N, C-alpha and C. Protein backbone atom coordinates (compact mmCIF):
# COMPACT_ATOMS: atom_id res chain seq x y z
N MET A 1 33.51 71.34 21.77
CA MET A 1 34.23 71.05 20.53
C MET A 1 33.78 71.97 19.40
N ARG A 2 32.44 72.21 19.35
CA ARG A 2 31.93 73.09 18.30
C ARG A 2 32.52 74.49 18.43
N ASP A 3 32.58 75.02 19.69
CA ASP A 3 33.15 76.35 19.91
C ASP A 3 34.62 76.40 19.51
N LEU A 4 35.33 75.32 19.76
CA LEU A 4 36.74 75.25 19.39
C LEU A 4 36.92 75.29 17.89
N ARG A 5 36.05 74.58 17.17
CA ARG A 5 36.13 74.58 15.70
C ARG A 5 35.87 76.00 15.17
N HIS A 6 34.88 76.67 15.75
CA HIS A 6 34.58 78.05 15.32
C HIS A 6 35.76 78.97 15.57
N LEU A 7 36.41 78.79 16.73
CA LEU A 7 37.56 79.62 17.07
C LEU A 7 38.71 79.39 16.10
N LEU A 8 38.95 78.13 15.74
CA LEU A 8 40.03 77.81 14.80
C LEU A 8 39.75 78.40 13.42
N VAL A 9 38.47 78.33 12.99
CA VAL A 9 38.11 78.92 11.70
C VAL A 9 38.33 80.42 11.72
N ALA A 10 37.94 81.09 12.81
CA ALA A 10 38.11 82.54 12.92
C ALA A 10 39.58 82.93 12.88
N VAL A 11 40.42 82.17 13.62
CA VAL A 11 41.86 82.45 13.63
C VAL A 11 42.44 82.28 12.23
N ALA A 12 42.02 81.24 11.52
CA ALA A 12 42.52 81.00 10.17
C ALA A 12 42.13 82.11 9.22
N MET A 13 40.91 82.65 9.37
CA MET A 13 40.45 83.74 8.50
C MET A 13 41.25 85.00 8.74
N VAL A 14 41.52 85.30 10.00
CA VAL A 14 42.32 86.50 10.31
C VAL A 14 43.73 86.36 9.78
N ALA A 15 44.30 85.15 9.92
CA ALA A 15 45.67 84.92 9.46
C ALA A 15 45.78 85.05 7.95
N ALA A 16 44.68 84.73 7.25
CA ALA A 16 44.71 84.80 5.79
C ALA A 16 44.53 86.20 5.26
N MET A 17 44.07 87.15 6.09
CA MET A 17 43.83 88.51 5.64
C MET A 17 45.13 89.28 5.53
N PRO A 18 45.20 90.26 4.60
CA PRO A 18 46.40 91.10 4.50
C PRO A 18 46.66 91.82 5.81
N ALA A 19 47.94 92.08 6.09
CA ALA A 19 48.28 92.73 7.35
C ALA A 19 47.76 94.16 7.39
N GLN A 20 47.66 94.83 6.24
CA GLN A 20 47.22 96.20 6.20
C GLN A 20 45.98 96.31 5.32
N ALA A 21 45.41 97.50 5.28
CA ALA A 21 44.18 97.72 4.53
C ALA A 21 44.45 98.28 3.15
N ALA A 22 45.50 97.83 2.50
CA ALA A 22 45.82 98.29 1.15
C ALA A 22 44.73 97.85 0.18
N SER A 23 44.71 98.46 -1.01
CA SER A 23 43.68 98.13 -1.99
C SER A 23 43.97 96.82 -2.72
N PHE A 24 45.13 96.23 -2.46
CA PHE A 24 45.50 94.98 -3.11
C PHE A 24 45.88 93.96 -2.04
N ASN A 25 46.02 92.72 -2.43
CA ASN A 25 46.35 91.64 -1.49
C ASN A 25 47.85 91.71 -1.17
N CYS A 26 48.15 92.06 0.06
CA CYS A 26 49.55 92.22 0.45
C CYS A 26 50.34 90.91 0.40
N SER A 27 49.64 89.78 0.50
CA SER A 27 50.36 88.50 0.42
C SER A 27 50.89 88.26 -0.98
N LYS A 28 50.40 89.05 -1.96
CA LYS A 28 50.86 88.91 -3.34
C LYS A 28 51.66 90.13 -3.80
N ALA A 29 52.10 90.95 -2.86
CA ALA A 29 52.89 92.14 -3.22
C ALA A 29 54.14 91.70 -3.98
N ALA A 30 54.33 92.25 -5.19
CA ALA A 30 55.39 91.76 -6.06
C ALA A 30 56.50 92.76 -6.30
N THR A 31 56.28 94.03 -5.94
CA THR A 31 57.30 95.05 -6.19
C THR A 31 57.74 95.69 -4.89
N ALA A 32 58.84 96.42 -4.96
CA ALA A 32 59.35 97.11 -3.78
C ALA A 32 58.34 98.14 -3.28
N VAL A 33 57.67 98.83 -4.20
CA VAL A 33 56.68 99.84 -3.82
C VAL A 33 55.48 99.18 -3.13
N GLU A 34 54.99 98.09 -3.68
CA GLU A 34 53.87 97.39 -3.06
C GLU A 34 54.23 96.89 -1.67
N ARG A 35 55.43 96.37 -1.52
CA ARG A 35 55.85 95.89 -0.20
C ARG A 35 56.00 97.05 0.78
N ALA A 36 56.49 98.19 0.30
CA ALA A 36 56.62 99.37 1.17
C ALA A 36 55.25 99.83 1.64
N ILE A 37 54.26 99.78 0.76
CA ILE A 37 52.90 100.18 1.13
C ILE A 37 52.34 99.23 2.19
N CYS A 38 52.52 97.94 1.98
CA CYS A 38 51.98 96.95 2.92
C CYS A 38 52.67 97.02 4.28
N ASP A 39 53.92 97.44 4.31
CA ASP A 39 54.67 97.49 5.56
C ASP A 39 54.45 98.78 6.34
N ASN A 40 53.73 99.73 5.74
CA ASN A 40 53.54 101.04 6.36
C ASN A 40 52.04 101.29 6.53
N PRO A 41 51.52 101.29 7.75
CA PRO A 41 50.07 101.46 7.96
C PRO A 41 49.51 102.74 7.34
N GLU A 42 50.26 103.83 7.41
CA GLU A 42 49.77 105.08 6.86
C GLU A 42 49.66 105.00 5.34
N LEU A 43 50.70 104.47 4.69
CA LEU A 43 50.65 104.32 3.23
C LEU A 43 49.57 103.35 2.81
N SER A 44 49.39 102.30 3.60
CA SER A 44 48.36 101.33 3.29
C SER A 44 46.97 101.96 3.30
N GLU A 45 46.73 102.81 4.31
CA GLU A 45 45.44 103.50 4.38
C GLU A 45 45.28 104.47 3.21
N LEU A 46 46.34 105.18 2.86
CA LEU A 46 46.28 106.11 1.73
C LEU A 46 46.02 105.36 0.43
N ASP A 47 46.63 104.20 0.26
CA ASP A 47 46.41 103.41 -0.95
C ASP A 47 44.96 102.97 -1.05
N SER A 48 44.39 102.53 0.05
CA SER A 48 43.00 102.12 0.07
C SER A 48 42.07 103.30 -0.25
N ALA A 49 42.37 104.46 0.33
CA ALA A 49 41.55 105.65 0.08
C ALA A 49 41.66 106.08 -1.38
N ALA A 50 42.86 106.03 -1.95
CA ALA A 50 43.05 106.44 -3.34
C ALA A 50 42.27 105.53 -4.29
N ALA A 51 42.25 104.23 -4.00
CA ALA A 51 41.50 103.30 -4.83
C ALA A 51 40.01 103.60 -4.75
N LEU A 52 39.51 103.92 -3.55
CA LEU A 52 38.10 104.27 -3.38
C LEU A 52 37.76 105.57 -4.11
N TYR A 53 38.63 106.56 -3.99
CA TYR A 53 38.40 107.84 -4.68
C TYR A 53 38.34 107.64 -6.19
N TYR A 54 39.22 106.79 -6.70
CA TYR A 54 39.23 106.52 -8.15
C TYR A 54 37.92 105.86 -8.58
N ARG A 55 37.45 104.87 -7.83
CA ARG A 55 36.20 104.19 -8.19
C ARG A 55 35.01 105.15 -8.13
N ASN A 56 34.99 105.98 -7.09
CA ASN A 56 33.90 106.94 -6.96
C ASN A 56 33.90 107.97 -8.10
N ALA A 57 35.08 108.42 -8.49
CA ALA A 57 35.18 109.41 -9.56
C ALA A 57 34.66 108.85 -10.88
N GLN A 58 34.81 107.55 -11.09
CA GLN A 58 34.27 106.94 -12.29
C GLN A 58 32.75 107.09 -12.36
N ASP A 59 32.09 107.07 -11.19
CA ASP A 59 30.64 107.19 -11.16
C ASP A 59 30.17 108.63 -11.24
N THR A 60 30.93 109.55 -10.64
CA THR A 60 30.49 110.95 -10.62
C THR A 60 30.92 111.73 -11.86
N LEU A 61 31.79 111.15 -12.67
CA LEU A 61 32.20 111.79 -13.93
C LEU A 61 31.75 110.87 -15.08
N PRO A 62 30.45 110.84 -15.35
CA PRO A 62 29.91 109.89 -16.33
C PRO A 62 30.48 110.08 -17.72
N GLY A 63 30.65 108.96 -18.42
CA GLY A 63 31.15 109.00 -19.79
C GLY A 63 32.65 109.12 -19.90
N ALA A 64 33.35 109.19 -18.77
CA ALA A 64 34.79 109.46 -18.80
C ALA A 64 35.61 108.31 -18.23
N LYS A 65 35.03 107.11 -18.13
CA LYS A 65 35.74 106.01 -17.48
C LYS A 65 37.03 105.64 -18.20
N ALA A 66 37.00 105.61 -19.52
CA ALA A 66 38.19 105.24 -20.28
C ALA A 66 39.31 106.27 -20.08
N CYS A 67 38.94 107.56 -20.07
CA CYS A 67 39.93 108.61 -19.84
C CYS A 67 40.51 108.51 -18.44
N LEU A 68 39.65 108.28 -17.46
CA LEU A 68 40.10 108.20 -16.08
C LEU A 68 40.95 106.96 -15.85
N LEU A 69 40.61 105.86 -16.53
CA LEU A 69 41.41 104.64 -16.42
C LEU A 69 42.83 104.88 -16.95
N ALA A 70 42.95 105.53 -18.10
CA ALA A 70 44.27 105.82 -18.66
C ALA A 70 45.04 106.75 -17.73
N ASP A 71 44.34 107.71 -17.13
CA ASP A 71 44.99 108.64 -16.21
C ASP A 71 45.46 107.92 -14.95
N GLN A 72 44.65 106.98 -14.45
CA GLN A 72 45.04 106.22 -13.27
C GLN A 72 46.26 105.35 -13.54
N ARG A 73 46.31 104.75 -14.71
CA ARG A 73 47.47 103.93 -15.06
C ARG A 73 48.74 104.77 -15.14
N ALA A 74 48.61 105.98 -15.70
CA ALA A 74 49.78 106.87 -15.78
C ALA A 74 50.22 107.28 -14.38
N TRP A 75 49.25 107.54 -13.48
CA TRP A 75 49.59 107.90 -12.11
C TRP A 75 50.27 106.74 -11.39
N LEU A 76 49.82 105.52 -11.61
CA LEU A 76 50.44 104.35 -10.98
C LEU A 76 51.89 104.17 -11.45
N GLN A 77 52.13 104.45 -12.72
CA GLN A 77 53.51 104.38 -13.22
C GLN A 77 54.39 105.39 -12.51
N LEU A 78 53.84 106.59 -12.28
CA LEU A 78 54.58 107.62 -11.55
C LEU A 78 54.82 107.17 -10.10
N ARG A 79 53.78 106.61 -9.48
CA ARG A 79 53.92 106.11 -8.11
C ARG A 79 55.00 105.04 -8.00
N ASN A 80 55.04 104.18 -8.99
CA ASN A 80 55.97 103.05 -8.93
C ASN A 80 57.44 103.46 -9.11
N ARG A 81 57.66 104.74 -9.42
CA ARG A 81 59.04 105.22 -9.52
C ARG A 81 59.53 105.81 -8.20
N CYS A 82 58.65 105.86 -7.18
CA CYS A 82 59.05 106.40 -5.88
C CYS A 82 60.10 105.50 -5.23
N ALA A 83 61.03 106.13 -4.55
CA ALA A 83 62.11 105.37 -3.90
C ALA A 83 61.99 105.35 -2.39
N ASP A 84 61.04 106.12 -1.82
CA ASP A 84 60.92 106.13 -0.37
C ASP A 84 59.48 106.45 0.03
N ALA A 85 59.22 106.33 1.33
CA ALA A 85 57.87 106.53 1.87
C ALA A 85 57.41 107.97 1.71
N ALA A 86 58.32 108.92 1.84
CA ALA A 86 57.94 110.34 1.72
C ALA A 86 57.40 110.64 0.33
N CYS A 87 58.07 110.11 -0.68
CA CYS A 87 57.60 110.30 -2.07
C CYS A 87 56.22 109.69 -2.25
N LEU A 88 56.02 108.49 -1.74
CA LEU A 88 54.72 107.81 -1.87
C LEU A 88 53.62 108.61 -1.16
N LYS A 89 53.90 109.07 0.03
CA LYS A 89 52.89 109.82 0.78
C LYS A 89 52.49 111.08 0.03
N ASP A 90 53.46 111.83 -0.49
CA ASP A 90 53.16 113.05 -1.24
C ASP A 90 52.30 112.75 -2.46
N LEU A 91 52.65 111.70 -3.19
CA LEU A 91 51.88 111.36 -4.39
C LEU A 91 50.45 110.96 -4.05
N TYR A 92 50.29 110.18 -3.00
CA TYR A 92 48.95 109.75 -2.60
C TYR A 92 48.11 110.94 -2.15
N LEU A 93 48.66 111.81 -1.33
CA LEU A 93 47.89 112.95 -0.85
C LEU A 93 47.50 113.88 -1.99
N ASN A 94 48.40 114.08 -2.94
CA ASN A 94 48.07 114.92 -4.08
C ASN A 94 47.02 114.28 -4.98
N ARG A 95 47.08 112.96 -5.13
CA ARG A 95 46.07 112.27 -5.92
C ARG A 95 44.70 112.36 -5.25
N LEU A 96 44.66 112.20 -3.94
CA LEU A 96 43.40 112.32 -3.21
C LEU A 96 42.85 113.74 -3.32
N ALA A 97 43.71 114.74 -3.22
CA ALA A 97 43.27 116.13 -3.36
C ALA A 97 42.73 116.38 -4.76
N GLU A 98 43.37 115.79 -5.75
CA GLU A 98 42.94 115.96 -7.14
C GLU A 98 41.54 115.39 -7.38
N LEU A 99 41.21 114.27 -6.73
CA LEU A 99 39.93 113.60 -6.94
C LEU A 99 38.90 113.92 -5.86
N ASP A 100 39.27 114.73 -4.89
CA ASP A 100 38.42 114.94 -3.72
C ASP A 100 37.04 115.50 -4.07
N LYS A 101 36.98 116.50 -4.95
CA LYS A 101 35.70 117.13 -5.27
C LYS A 101 34.85 116.27 -6.19
N ALA A 102 35.41 115.19 -6.70
CA ALA A 102 34.63 114.27 -7.55
C ALA A 102 34.03 113.14 -6.73
N GLN A 103 34.07 113.26 -5.39
CA GLN A 103 33.51 112.23 -4.52
C GLN A 103 32.05 112.54 -4.19
N PRO A 104 31.19 111.52 -4.16
CA PRO A 104 29.78 111.75 -3.84
C PRO A 104 29.56 112.14 -2.39
N ALA A 105 30.50 111.79 -1.49
CA ALA A 105 30.38 112.13 -0.08
C ALA A 105 31.77 112.13 0.54
N ARG A 106 31.91 112.84 1.65
CA ARG A 106 33.19 112.89 2.33
C ARG A 106 33.40 111.63 3.17
N ARG A 107 34.65 111.38 3.50
CA ARG A 107 34.98 110.23 4.34
C ARG A 107 34.31 110.37 5.70
N ALA A 108 34.00 109.21 6.31
CA ALA A 108 33.40 109.21 7.64
C ALA A 108 34.45 109.69 8.65
N GLY A 109 33.96 110.31 9.72
CA GLY A 109 34.88 110.76 10.76
C GLY A 109 35.55 112.07 10.39
N GLU A 110 36.72 112.28 10.96
CA GLU A 110 37.46 113.52 10.72
C GLU A 110 37.91 113.60 9.27
N PRO A 111 37.81 114.78 8.64
CA PRO A 111 38.25 114.90 7.25
C PRO A 111 39.76 114.70 7.11
N MET A 112 40.15 114.08 6.02
CA MET A 112 41.57 113.88 5.77
C MET A 112 42.22 115.21 5.40
N ALA A 113 43.37 115.50 5.98
CA ALA A 113 44.08 116.73 5.66
C ALA A 113 44.76 116.57 4.30
N LEU A 114 44.29 117.30 3.32
CA LEU A 114 44.82 117.19 1.96
C LEU A 114 45.47 118.50 1.55
N PRO A 115 46.49 118.43 0.69
CA PRO A 115 47.16 119.66 0.24
C PRO A 115 46.24 120.49 -0.65
N ALA A 116 46.46 121.79 -0.64
CA ALA A 116 45.71 122.69 -1.52
C ALA A 116 46.30 122.61 -2.91
N ARG A 117 45.60 121.98 -3.82
CA ARG A 117 46.09 121.83 -5.18
C ARG A 117 44.90 121.80 -6.14
N SER A 118 45.18 121.87 -7.43
CA SER A 118 44.12 121.83 -8.43
C SER A 118 43.33 120.54 -8.30
N PHE A 119 42.00 120.66 -8.40
CA PHE A 119 41.17 119.47 -8.27
C PHE A 119 40.29 119.31 -9.51
N LEU A 120 40.03 118.07 -9.83
CA LEU A 120 39.31 117.72 -11.05
C LEU A 120 37.84 118.12 -10.94
N VAL A 121 37.34 118.87 -11.93
CA VAL A 121 35.93 119.23 -11.96
C VAL A 121 35.21 118.68 -13.18
N GLY A 122 35.94 118.09 -14.10
CA GLY A 122 35.28 117.51 -15.26
C GLY A 122 36.26 116.83 -16.20
N ILE A 123 35.77 115.76 -16.82
CA ILE A 123 36.52 115.07 -17.87
C ILE A 123 35.63 115.02 -19.09
N ILE A 124 36.16 115.44 -20.21
CA ILE A 124 35.39 115.42 -21.46
C ILE A 124 35.94 114.30 -22.32
N PRO A 125 35.17 113.22 -22.50
CA PRO A 125 35.67 112.08 -23.28
C PRO A 125 35.75 112.42 -24.76
N PRO A 126 36.53 111.67 -25.52
CA PRO A 126 36.66 111.95 -26.96
C PRO A 126 35.35 111.73 -27.70
N THR A 127 35.11 112.56 -28.69
CA THR A 127 33.97 112.38 -29.57
C THR A 127 34.37 111.46 -30.73
N ASP A 128 33.39 110.77 -31.29
CA ASP A 128 33.67 109.94 -32.47
C ASP A 128 33.31 110.66 -33.76
N ARG A 129 32.97 111.95 -33.64
CA ARG A 129 32.63 112.74 -34.82
C ARG A 129 33.90 113.08 -35.60
N ALA A 130 33.86 112.87 -36.90
CA ALA A 130 35.03 113.14 -37.75
C ALA A 130 35.33 114.64 -37.77
N PRO A 131 36.60 115.01 -37.87
CA PRO A 131 36.95 116.44 -37.90
C PRO A 131 36.45 117.12 -39.18
N ASP A 132 36.12 118.39 -39.04
CA ASP A 132 35.75 119.19 -40.21
C ASP A 132 36.99 119.44 -41.06
N PRO A 133 36.81 119.79 -42.34
CA PRO A 133 37.97 120.03 -43.22
C PRO A 133 38.93 121.09 -42.71
N VAL A 134 38.41 122.08 -41.94
CA VAL A 134 39.28 123.16 -41.47
C VAL A 134 39.99 122.81 -40.17
N GLU A 135 39.64 121.66 -39.58
CA GLU A 135 40.26 121.26 -38.32
C GLU A 135 41.51 120.44 -38.58
N SER A 136 42.49 120.59 -37.73
CA SER A 136 43.76 119.89 -37.92
C SER A 136 43.62 118.40 -37.60
N ASP A 137 44.61 117.63 -38.02
CA ASP A 137 44.61 116.18 -37.82
C ASP A 137 44.69 115.86 -36.32
N PRO A 138 43.69 115.16 -35.76
CA PRO A 138 43.72 114.85 -34.32
C PRO A 138 44.95 114.05 -33.91
N ALA A 139 45.46 113.22 -34.80
CA ALA A 139 46.63 112.40 -34.48
C ALA A 139 47.88 113.26 -34.29
N ARG A 140 47.87 114.47 -34.83
CA ARG A 140 49.03 115.36 -34.72
C ARG A 140 48.81 116.48 -33.71
N ALA A 141 47.76 116.37 -32.92
CA ALA A 141 47.48 117.38 -31.90
C ALA A 141 48.62 117.45 -30.90
N THR A 142 48.92 118.65 -30.46
CA THR A 142 50.03 118.86 -29.53
C THR A 142 49.55 118.83 -28.08
N PRO A 143 50.33 118.26 -27.16
CA PRO A 143 49.93 118.24 -25.74
C PRO A 143 49.67 119.66 -25.23
N LEU A 144 48.66 119.76 -24.38
CA LEU A 144 48.23 121.06 -23.87
C LEU A 144 48.10 121.02 -22.36
N ASP A 145 48.64 122.02 -21.70
CA ASP A 145 48.48 122.19 -20.25
C ASP A 145 48.46 123.68 -20.00
N ILE A 146 47.26 124.26 -19.86
CA ILE A 146 47.11 125.70 -19.78
C ILE A 146 46.31 126.07 -18.54
N THR A 147 46.67 127.18 -17.92
CA THR A 147 45.99 127.67 -16.73
C THR A 147 45.51 129.08 -16.99
N GLY A 148 44.31 129.40 -16.51
CA GLY A 148 43.81 130.75 -16.69
C GLY A 148 42.34 130.88 -16.37
N ALA A 149 41.73 131.92 -16.91
CA ALA A 149 40.31 132.19 -16.68
C ALA A 149 39.47 131.38 -17.66
N LEU A 150 38.25 131.05 -17.25
CA LEU A 150 37.34 130.30 -18.10
C LEU A 150 36.04 131.08 -18.23
N THR A 151 35.66 131.37 -19.46
CA THR A 151 34.40 132.06 -19.74
C THR A 151 33.64 131.29 -20.80
N GLU A 152 32.34 131.51 -20.84
CA GLU A 152 31.53 130.83 -21.85
C GLU A 152 31.05 131.84 -22.87
N GLY A 153 31.32 131.54 -24.13
CA GLY A 153 30.86 132.39 -25.21
C GLY A 153 29.99 131.60 -26.16
N GLU A 154 29.70 132.18 -27.29
CA GLU A 154 28.85 131.51 -28.27
C GLU A 154 29.59 130.32 -28.87
N GLY A 155 29.07 129.14 -28.63
CA GLY A 155 29.65 127.93 -29.23
C GLY A 155 30.77 127.29 -28.44
N GLY A 156 31.16 127.89 -27.32
CA GLY A 156 32.24 127.24 -26.59
C GLY A 156 32.69 127.98 -25.35
N PHE A 157 33.51 127.28 -24.56
CA PHE A 157 34.20 127.88 -23.42
C PHE A 157 35.55 128.40 -23.91
N ILE A 158 36.00 129.48 -23.33
CA ILE A 158 37.28 130.06 -23.71
C ILE A 158 38.20 130.09 -22.50
N PHE A 159 39.35 129.42 -22.62
CA PHE A 159 40.39 129.48 -21.60
C PHE A 159 41.36 130.59 -22.01
N THR A 160 41.57 131.54 -21.13
CA THR A 160 42.50 132.64 -21.41
C THR A 160 43.64 132.60 -20.40
N ALA A 161 44.85 132.38 -20.89
CA ALA A 161 46.03 132.30 -20.03
C ALA A 161 46.46 133.71 -19.63
N PRO A 162 47.25 133.84 -18.56
CA PRO A 162 47.73 135.16 -18.13
C PRO A 162 48.49 135.91 -19.21
N ASP A 163 49.14 135.18 -20.15
CA ASP A 163 49.88 135.86 -21.21
C ASP A 163 48.99 136.23 -22.39
N GLY A 164 47.68 136.02 -22.26
CA GLY A 164 46.74 136.43 -23.31
C GLY A 164 46.38 135.34 -24.30
N ARG A 165 47.07 134.22 -24.26
CA ARG A 165 46.72 133.11 -25.15
C ARG A 165 45.30 132.64 -24.85
N ALA A 166 44.55 132.35 -25.90
CA ALA A 166 43.18 131.87 -25.73
C ALA A 166 42.98 130.59 -26.54
N ILE A 167 42.26 129.66 -25.94
CA ILE A 167 41.97 128.41 -26.61
C ILE A 167 40.52 128.04 -26.33
N VAL A 168 39.84 127.52 -27.33
CA VAL A 168 38.40 127.27 -27.25
C VAL A 168 38.11 125.80 -26.98
N LEU A 169 37.16 125.57 -26.10
CA LEU A 169 36.61 124.24 -25.86
C LEU A 169 35.20 124.26 -26.43
N MET A 170 34.99 123.59 -27.54
CA MET A 170 33.72 123.68 -28.26
C MET A 170 32.63 122.89 -27.56
N THR A 171 31.53 123.59 -27.20
CA THR A 171 30.49 122.98 -26.38
C THR A 171 29.70 121.91 -27.11
N TRP A 172 29.63 121.96 -28.43
CA TRP A 172 28.81 120.97 -29.13
C TRP A 172 29.41 119.56 -29.10
N TYR A 173 30.62 119.45 -28.59
CA TYR A 173 31.24 118.13 -28.43
C TYR A 173 31.09 117.60 -27.00
N ILE A 174 30.48 118.38 -26.11
CA ILE A 174 30.43 118.03 -24.69
C ILE A 174 29.06 117.46 -24.32
N GLU A 175 29.06 116.34 -23.61
CA GLU A 175 27.82 115.75 -23.13
C GLU A 175 27.16 116.69 -22.11
N PRO A 176 25.80 116.70 -22.04
CA PRO A 176 25.10 117.64 -21.15
C PRO A 176 25.55 117.59 -19.69
N THR A 177 25.80 116.37 -19.15
CA THR A 177 26.20 116.26 -17.74
C THR A 177 27.55 116.94 -17.51
N ALA A 178 28.51 116.69 -18.38
CA ALA A 178 29.82 117.32 -18.24
C ALA A 178 29.72 118.82 -18.43
N LEU A 179 28.82 119.24 -19.30
CA LEU A 179 28.62 120.67 -19.56
C LEU A 179 28.13 121.38 -18.29
N GLU A 180 27.17 120.75 -17.61
CA GLU A 180 26.64 121.34 -16.39
C GLU A 180 27.68 121.35 -15.27
N GLN A 181 28.52 120.33 -15.23
CA GLN A 181 29.58 120.31 -14.21
C GLN A 181 30.53 121.48 -14.39
N LEU A 182 30.87 121.79 -15.63
CA LEU A 182 31.75 122.93 -15.90
C LEU A 182 31.08 124.24 -15.54
N ARG A 183 29.81 124.37 -15.89
CA ARG A 183 29.09 125.61 -15.58
C ARG A 183 28.96 125.81 -14.07
N ALA A 184 28.73 124.72 -13.35
CA ALA A 184 28.63 124.82 -11.89
C ALA A 184 29.95 125.28 -11.28
N ALA A 185 31.07 124.79 -11.84
CA ALA A 185 32.39 125.17 -11.32
C ALA A 185 32.70 126.64 -11.58
N MET A 186 32.05 127.23 -12.58
CA MET A 186 32.30 128.62 -12.94
C MET A 186 31.47 129.61 -12.13
N MET A 187 30.63 129.13 -11.23
CA MET A 187 29.70 130.01 -10.52
C MET A 187 30.42 131.01 -9.61
N THR A 188 31.57 130.64 -9.07
CA THR A 188 32.29 131.55 -8.18
C THR A 188 33.13 132.52 -9.00
N PRO A 189 32.87 133.82 -8.89
CA PRO A 189 33.64 134.81 -9.67
C PRO A 189 35.13 134.75 -9.33
N GLY A 190 35.95 134.91 -10.36
CA GLY A 190 37.39 134.95 -10.17
C GLY A 190 38.06 133.60 -10.08
N THR A 191 37.29 132.52 -10.19
CA THR A 191 37.88 131.18 -10.13
C THR A 191 38.77 130.94 -11.33
N ARG A 192 39.93 130.34 -11.10
CA ARG A 192 40.85 130.03 -12.18
C ARG A 192 40.87 128.53 -12.42
N PHE A 193 41.14 128.17 -13.66
CA PHE A 193 41.07 126.77 -14.07
C PHE A 193 42.34 126.35 -14.80
N ALA A 194 42.49 125.05 -14.94
CA ALA A 194 43.57 124.49 -15.74
C ALA A 194 42.95 123.40 -16.61
N VAL A 195 43.46 123.27 -17.81
CA VAL A 195 42.97 122.22 -18.71
C VAL A 195 44.17 121.43 -19.20
N ARG A 196 44.01 120.13 -19.22
CA ARG A 196 45.06 119.23 -19.70
C ARG A 196 44.47 118.37 -20.81
N GLY A 197 45.09 118.41 -21.96
CA GLY A 197 44.59 117.65 -23.10
C GLY A 197 45.50 117.84 -24.30
N PHE A 198 44.87 118.14 -25.45
CA PHE A 198 45.63 118.33 -26.69
C PHE A 198 45.02 119.49 -27.47
N ALA A 199 45.86 120.17 -28.22
CA ALA A 199 45.42 121.36 -28.95
C ALA A 199 45.43 121.11 -30.46
N GLY A 200 44.40 121.65 -31.11
CA GLY A 200 44.33 121.66 -32.57
C GLY A 200 44.22 123.09 -33.05
N ARG A 201 44.13 123.26 -34.36
CA ARG A 201 44.05 124.62 -34.91
C ARG A 201 43.12 124.65 -36.12
N ASN A 202 42.26 125.64 -36.14
CA ASN A 202 41.35 125.85 -37.25
C ASN A 202 42.09 126.60 -38.36
N SER A 203 42.22 125.97 -39.52
CA SER A 203 43.02 126.56 -40.61
C SER A 203 42.35 127.78 -41.22
N ALA A 204 41.03 127.89 -41.08
CA ALA A 204 40.32 129.03 -41.66
C ALA A 204 40.41 130.27 -40.77
N SER A 205 40.19 130.10 -39.46
CA SER A 205 40.18 131.24 -38.55
C SER A 205 41.50 131.45 -37.82
N GLY A 206 42.35 130.40 -37.80
CA GLY A 206 43.59 130.48 -37.05
C GLY A 206 43.41 130.27 -35.56
N GLN A 207 42.17 129.97 -35.12
CA GLN A 207 41.87 129.80 -33.70
C GLN A 207 42.35 128.44 -33.18
N SER A 208 43.02 128.47 -32.05
CA SER A 208 43.41 127.23 -31.39
C SER A 208 42.22 126.68 -30.61
N TYR A 209 42.10 125.38 -30.59
CA TYR A 209 40.99 124.76 -29.86
C TYR A 209 41.48 123.50 -29.16
N ILE A 210 40.72 123.08 -28.17
CA ILE A 210 41.03 121.85 -27.45
C ILE A 210 40.50 120.69 -28.29
N GLU A 211 41.39 119.79 -28.66
CA GLU A 211 41.04 118.68 -29.56
C GLU A 211 39.96 117.79 -28.93
N PRO A 212 38.77 117.76 -29.53
CA PRO A 212 37.66 117.00 -28.93
C PRO A 212 37.74 115.49 -29.15
N ARG A 213 38.70 115.04 -29.92
CA ARG A 213 38.83 113.59 -30.18
C ARG A 213 39.88 112.95 -29.28
N ARG A 214 40.33 113.71 -28.29
CA ARG A 214 41.25 113.22 -27.26
C ARG A 214 40.65 113.55 -25.89
N CYS A 215 41.07 112.84 -24.87
CA CYS A 215 40.57 113.10 -23.51
C CYS A 215 40.98 114.50 -23.04
N THR A 216 40.05 115.19 -22.40
CA THR A 216 40.32 116.52 -21.86
C THR A 216 39.97 116.53 -20.37
N PHE A 217 40.91 116.99 -19.55
CA PHE A 217 40.72 117.06 -18.10
C PHE A 217 40.67 118.54 -17.70
N VAL A 218 39.63 118.91 -16.95
CA VAL A 218 39.48 120.30 -16.50
C VAL A 218 39.59 120.34 -14.98
N TYR A 219 40.47 121.22 -14.49
CA TYR A 219 40.73 121.34 -13.05
C TYR A 219 40.38 122.75 -12.58
N GLN A 220 39.98 122.85 -11.33
CA GLN A 220 39.79 124.14 -10.70
C GLN A 220 40.94 124.39 -9.76
N LEU A 221 41.54 125.57 -9.81
CA LEU A 221 42.66 125.89 -8.94
C LEU A 221 42.15 126.28 -7.56
N PRO A 222 42.89 125.97 -6.50
CA PRO A 222 42.44 126.34 -5.16
C PRO A 222 42.43 127.84 -5.00
N THR A 223 41.56 128.30 -4.11
CA THR A 223 41.49 129.73 -3.82
C THR A 223 42.74 130.19 -3.11
N PRO A 224 43.37 131.27 -3.58
CA PRO A 224 44.62 131.75 -2.94
C PRO A 224 44.41 132.09 -1.47
């Protein structure tokens, strides 16, 4: 009788578990996208991996949790607009590739085949330091998405786009850990980077700069 009770308890526990290994409880799936993920073993595994990658990135990119949380919410909104499994798979694989280098260790077993795309090498959280008189209003900063070479000069990093545009990332606003992450990413000669954030302008020098009072994401482009 005791063995029978144990067997019934085990069966009940298995029955109560989600059918797939998604990052959320499939029995509470409320949207068409969530149901599609739960009904597809491959998507379910990708969803679980993406959730793990996001949690790990929070630990390996210190000081940037709020920025990464906002970025994750924006990505989920994009995911929720998918109309089919192919769209979901592409978004998940690209998200995993984006966060792959921010993982403390690789997945167990065979490595996941991920697309060659820009990957996150650093997030610079907003500073609470008030802007100098010559700096533009942070609330009016314009969205920025620039790709190019990254060099370090006196007082800052300089992103130079192929068309010659240059924008400065001022180092005195960057925490030491994030600063070292950027320097480590620059060790390979010829590496190209992308930065996503907001741009301001110094009224005295006319120099454009990356607004330090908004979240800044720095990516490394894959090797051609």
